[in-house]
Amino acid sequence: MTNITIYSTSTCPYCVAAENFLANKGFSQINKILVDRLSNERDAMIQRTGRRTVPQIFINDIHVSGYDDLVDLDRKGGLDAILNA
């Protein structure tokens, strides 16, 4: 089973776009962590990624990074391999 985690905020349009993009590929089971509601999770995200912006996307513990990176990975043909691993 594919494990997808998105560090997000409750008002982030790129986070919603990433969720919709993954849902359109058939992956709607997403562990969404709202870092604007849980400051300890924001700290964990920063420690895990070295980044402060959302979304931060992990697929099977692989850090894909943000929405633009997710789409770029798909365009290059690498996303399906990660999603179906």
N, C-alpha and C. Protein backbone atom coordinates (compact mmCIF):
# COMPACT_ATOMS: atom_id res chain seq x y z
N MET A 1 0.83 -1.17 0.00
CA MET A 1 0.00 0.00 0.00
C MET A 1 0.88 1.25 0.00
N THR A 2 0.48 2.23 -0.77
CA THR A 2 1.22 3.47 -0.88
C THR A 2 0.92 4.37 0.31
N ASN A 3 1.96 4.86 0.95
CA ASN A 3 1.82 5.75 2.10
C ASN A 3 2.16 7.17 1.66
N ILE A 4 1.17 8.06 1.67
CA ILE A 4 1.37 9.44 1.26
C ILE A 4 1.10 10.35 2.45
N THR A 5 2.06 11.22 2.74
CA THR A 5 1.93 12.22 3.80
C THR A 5 2.17 13.59 3.18
N ILE A 6 1.25 14.52 3.50
CA ILE A 6 1.41 15.89 3.05
C ILE A 6 1.37 16.80 4.27
N TYR A 7 2.47 17.53 4.48
CA TYR A 7 2.46 18.60 5.47
C TYR A 7 1.78 19.78 4.80
N SER A 8 0.77 20.32 5.46
CA SER A 8 -0.12 21.29 4.83
C SER A 8 -0.54 22.34 5.84
N THR A 9 -1.29 23.34 5.35
CA THR A 9 -2.01 24.27 6.22
C THR A 9 -3.46 24.25 5.77
N SER A 10 -4.32 24.80 6.59
CA SER A 10 -5.75 24.76 6.27
C SER A 10 -6.13 25.72 5.15
N THR A 11 -5.23 26.60 4.73
CA THR A 11 -5.57 27.57 3.68
C THR A 11 -4.63 27.52 2.47
N CYS A 12 -3.89 26.47 2.30
CA CYS A 12 -2.88 26.38 1.25
C CYS A 12 -3.45 25.86 -0.07
N PRO A 13 -3.53 26.70 -1.10
CA PRO A 13 -4.07 26.23 -2.38
C PRO A 13 -3.18 25.20 -3.07
N TYR A 14 -1.88 25.29 -2.90
CA TYR A 14 -0.98 24.30 -3.51
C TYR A 14 -1.12 22.94 -2.84
N CYS A 15 -1.45 22.95 -1.57
CA CYS A 15 -1.70 21.70 -0.85
C CYS A 15 -2.94 21.01 -1.40
N VAL A 16 -3.98 21.79 -1.61
CA VAL A 16 -5.22 21.25 -2.19
C VAL A 16 -4.95 20.75 -3.61
N ALA A 17 -4.18 21.50 -4.37
CA ALA A 17 -3.85 21.08 -5.74
C ALA A 17 -3.07 19.76 -5.73
N ALA A 18 -2.15 19.60 -4.79
CA ALA A 18 -1.39 18.35 -4.69
C ALA A 18 -2.30 17.18 -4.34
N GLU A 19 -3.21 17.40 -3.39
CA GLU A 19 -4.16 16.35 -3.02
C GLU A 19 -5.04 15.97 -4.22
N ASN A 20 -5.53 16.96 -4.94
CA ASN A 20 -6.37 16.69 -6.12
C ASN A 20 -5.58 15.98 -7.20
N PHE A 21 -4.34 16.37 -7.40
CA PHE A 21 -3.48 15.74 -8.40
C PHE A 21 -3.30 14.26 -8.09
N LEU A 22 -3.01 13.97 -6.83
CA LEU A 22 -2.82 12.58 -6.42
C LEU A 22 -4.13 11.80 -6.49
N ALA A 23 -5.24 12.43 -6.13
CA ALA A 23 -6.55 11.77 -6.22
C ALA A 23 -6.88 11.43 -7.66
N ASN A 24 -6.55 12.31 -8.59
CA ASN A 24 -6.79 12.04 -10.01
C ASN A 24 -5.94 10.88 -10.52
N LYS A 25 -4.84 10.61 -9.84
CA LYS A 25 -4.01 9.45 -10.20
C LYS A 25 -4.46 8.19 -9.45
N GLY A 26 -5.54 8.34 -8.65
CA GLY A 26 -6.09 7.18 -7.96
C GLY A 26 -5.63 7.01 -6.53
N PHE A 27 -5.01 8.02 -5.96
CA PHE A 27 -4.47 7.93 -4.60
C PHE A 27 -5.11 9.01 -3.73
N SER A 28 -6.21 8.66 -3.10
CA SER A 28 -6.92 9.63 -2.28
C SER A 28 -6.71 9.42 -0.77
N GLN A 29 -6.08 8.33 -0.39
CA GLN A 29 -5.77 8.08 1.02
C GLN A 29 -4.47 8.81 1.36
N ILE A 30 -4.63 9.99 1.97
CA ILE A 30 -3.49 10.85 2.26
C ILE A 30 -3.49 11.21 3.73
N ASN A 31 -2.35 11.05 4.36
CA ASN A 31 -2.16 11.48 5.74
C ASN A 31 -1.80 12.97 5.69
N LYS A 32 -2.75 13.82 6.00
CA LYS A 32 -2.53 15.27 5.94
C LYS A 32 -2.22 15.79 7.34
N ILE A 33 -1.09 16.44 7.47
CA ILE A 33 -0.67 17.00 8.75
C ILE A 33 -0.75 18.53 8.63
N LEU A 34 -1.65 19.12 9.39
CA LEU A 34 -1.87 20.57 9.34
C LEU A 34 -0.91 21.27 10.30
N VAL A 35 0.15 21.82 9.74
CA VAL A 35 1.20 22.42 10.57
C VAL A 35 0.79 23.78 11.13
N ASP A 36 -0.28 24.38 10.62
CA ASP A 36 -0.74 25.64 11.19
C ASP A 36 -1.56 25.43 12.47
N ARG A 37 -1.94 24.20 12.71
CA ARG A 37 -2.70 23.88 13.92
C ARG A 37 -1.85 23.18 14.97
N LEU A 38 -0.76 22.59 14.55
CA LEU A 38 0.11 21.83 15.46
C LEU A 38 1.55 22.30 15.30
N SER A 39 1.99 23.20 16.16
CA SER A 39 3.32 23.78 16.01
C SER A 39 4.43 22.73 16.11
N ASN A 40 4.21 21.71 16.91
CA ASN A 40 5.24 20.65 17.00
C ASN A 40 5.39 19.92 15.67
N GLU A 41 4.31 19.82 14.90
CA GLU A 41 4.39 19.17 13.58
C GLU A 41 5.12 20.07 12.58
N ARG A 42 4.95 21.39 12.70
CA ARG A 42 5.72 22.31 11.85
C ARG A 42 7.21 22.13 12.13
N ASP A 43 7.57 22.05 13.40
CA ASP A 43 8.97 21.83 13.77
C ASP A 43 9.47 20.50 13.22
N ALA A 44 8.65 19.46 13.30
CA ALA A 44 9.03 18.15 12.77
C ALA A 44 9.21 18.21 11.26
N MET A 45 8.33 18.94 10.56
CA MET A 45 8.44 19.08 9.11
C MET A 45 9.75 19.78 8.75
N ILE A 46 10.06 20.86 9.46
CA ILE A 46 11.29 21.61 9.17
C ILE A 46 12.52 20.74 9.43
N GLN A 47 12.50 19.99 10.51
CA GLN A 47 13.62 19.10 10.81
C GLN A 47 13.74 17.99 9.76
N ARG A 48 12.62 17.48 9.32
CA ARG A 48 12.61 16.36 8.37
C ARG A 48 13.01 16.79 6.97
N THR A 49 12.62 18.03 6.57
CA THR A 49 12.82 18.47 5.18
C THR A 49 13.84 19.58 5.02
N GLY A 50 14.08 20.34 6.09
CA GLY A 50 14.92 21.51 5.98
C GLY A 50 14.20 22.68 5.33
N ARG A 51 12.90 22.57 5.17
CA ARG A 51 12.10 23.60 4.50
C ARG A 51 10.98 24.08 5.41
N ARG A 52 10.53 25.32 5.14
CA ARG A 52 9.48 25.93 5.95
C ARG A 52 8.16 26.05 5.21
N THR A 53 8.16 25.83 3.91
CA THR A 53 6.96 26.03 3.10
C THR A 53 6.15 24.74 2.96
N VAL A 54 4.88 24.92 2.68
CA VAL A 54 3.99 23.79 2.41
C VAL A 54 3.46 23.91 0.99
N PRO A 55 3.10 22.81 0.38
CA PRO A 55 3.14 21.47 0.93
C PRO A 55 4.55 20.87 0.89
N GLN A 56 4.76 19.95 1.80
CA GLN A 56 5.92 19.06 1.76
C GLN A 56 5.34 17.66 1.65
N ILE A 57 5.65 16.99 0.56
CA ILE A 57 5.01 15.73 0.21
C ILE A 57 5.99 14.57 0.34
N PHE A 58 5.53 13.53 1.02
CA PHE A 58 6.29 12.29 1.13
C PHE A 58 5.46 11.16 0.57
N ILE A 59 6.07 10.35 -0.27
CA ILE A 59 5.42 9.15 -0.81
C ILE A 59 6.33 7.98 -0.46
N ASN A 60 5.80 7.07 0.35
CA ASN A 60 6.59 5.92 0.81
C ASN A 60 7.94 6.37 1.38
N ASP A 61 7.91 7.41 2.21
CA ASP A 61 9.09 7.98 2.87
C ASP A 61 10.09 8.63 1.92
N ILE A 62 9.70 8.82 0.67
CA ILE A 62 10.53 9.57 -0.28
C ILE A 62 10.03 11.00 -0.31
N HIS A 63 10.91 11.95 -0.05
CA HIS A 63 10.53 13.36 -0.04
C HIS A 63 10.44 13.86 -1.48
N VAL A 64 9.23 14.10 -1.92
CA VAL A 64 8.99 14.60 -3.27
C VAL A 64 9.15 16.12 -3.31
N SER A 65 8.95 16.78 -2.21
CA SER A 65 9.02 18.22 -2.00
C SER A 65 7.65 18.83 -2.18
N GLY A 66 7.49 19.89 -2.99
CA GLY A 66 6.23 20.61 -3.10
C GLY A 66 5.40 20.21 -4.31
N TYR A 67 4.34 20.98 -4.53
CA TYR A 67 3.42 20.69 -5.63
C TYR A 67 4.11 20.74 -6.99
N ASP A 68 4.85 21.81 -7.25
CA ASP A 68 5.53 21.93 -8.55
C ASP A 68 6.48 20.76 -8.78
N ASP A 69 7.16 20.33 -7.74
CA ASP A 69 8.08 19.19 -7.86
C ASP A 69 7.32 17.90 -8.13
N LEU A 70 6.14 17.76 -7.53
CA LEU A 70 5.29 16.59 -7.75
C LEU A 70 4.88 16.50 -9.21
N VAL A 71 4.41 17.61 -9.76
CA VAL A 71 3.97 17.65 -11.16
C VAL A 71 5.15 17.43 -12.10
N ASP A 72 6.29 18.04 -11.78
CA ASP A 72 7.49 17.87 -12.60
C ASP A 72 7.95 16.42 -12.61
N LEU A 73 7.91 15.78 -11.45
CA LEU A 73 8.28 14.37 -11.36
C LEU A 73 7.35 13.52 -12.22
N ASP A 74 6.06 13.85 -12.23
CA ASP A 74 5.11 13.12 -13.07
C ASP A 74 5.41 13.33 -14.55
N ARG A 75 5.69 14.57 -14.95
CA ARG A 75 6.01 14.87 -16.35
C ARG A 75 7.24 14.11 -16.82
N LYS A 76 8.18 13.91 -15.91
CA LYS A 76 9.42 13.21 -16.25
C LYS A 76 9.27 11.70 -16.18
N GLY A 77 8.08 11.22 -15.77
CA GLY A 77 7.82 9.79 -15.74
C GLY A 77 8.25 9.07 -14.48
N GLY A 78 8.64 9.81 -13.43
CA GLY A 78 9.12 9.15 -12.22
C GLY A 78 8.10 8.96 -11.14
N LEU A 79 6.98 9.66 -11.20
CA LEU A 79 6.00 9.60 -10.12
C LEU A 79 5.32 8.24 -10.03
N ASP A 80 4.91 7.68 -11.14
CA ASP A 80 4.19 6.40 -11.10
C ASP A 80 5.03 5.30 -10.46
N ALA A 81 6.32 5.31 -10.70
CA ALA A 81 7.20 4.29 -10.11
C ALA A 81 7.20 4.41 -8.59
N ILE A 82 7.19 5.64 -8.08
CA ILE A 82 7.19 5.85 -6.64
C ILE A 82 5.83 5.47 -6.06
N LEU A 83 4.75 5.89 -6.72
CA LEU A 83 3.40 5.61 -6.24
C LEU A 83 3.08 4.12 -6.23
N ASN A 84 3.63 3.39 -7.16
CA ASN A 84 3.29 1.97 -7.30
C ASN A 84 4.36 1.03 -6.75
N ALA A 85 5.33 1.59 -6.02
CA ALA A 85 6.40 0.76 -5.47
C ALA A 85 5.90 -0.09 -4.33
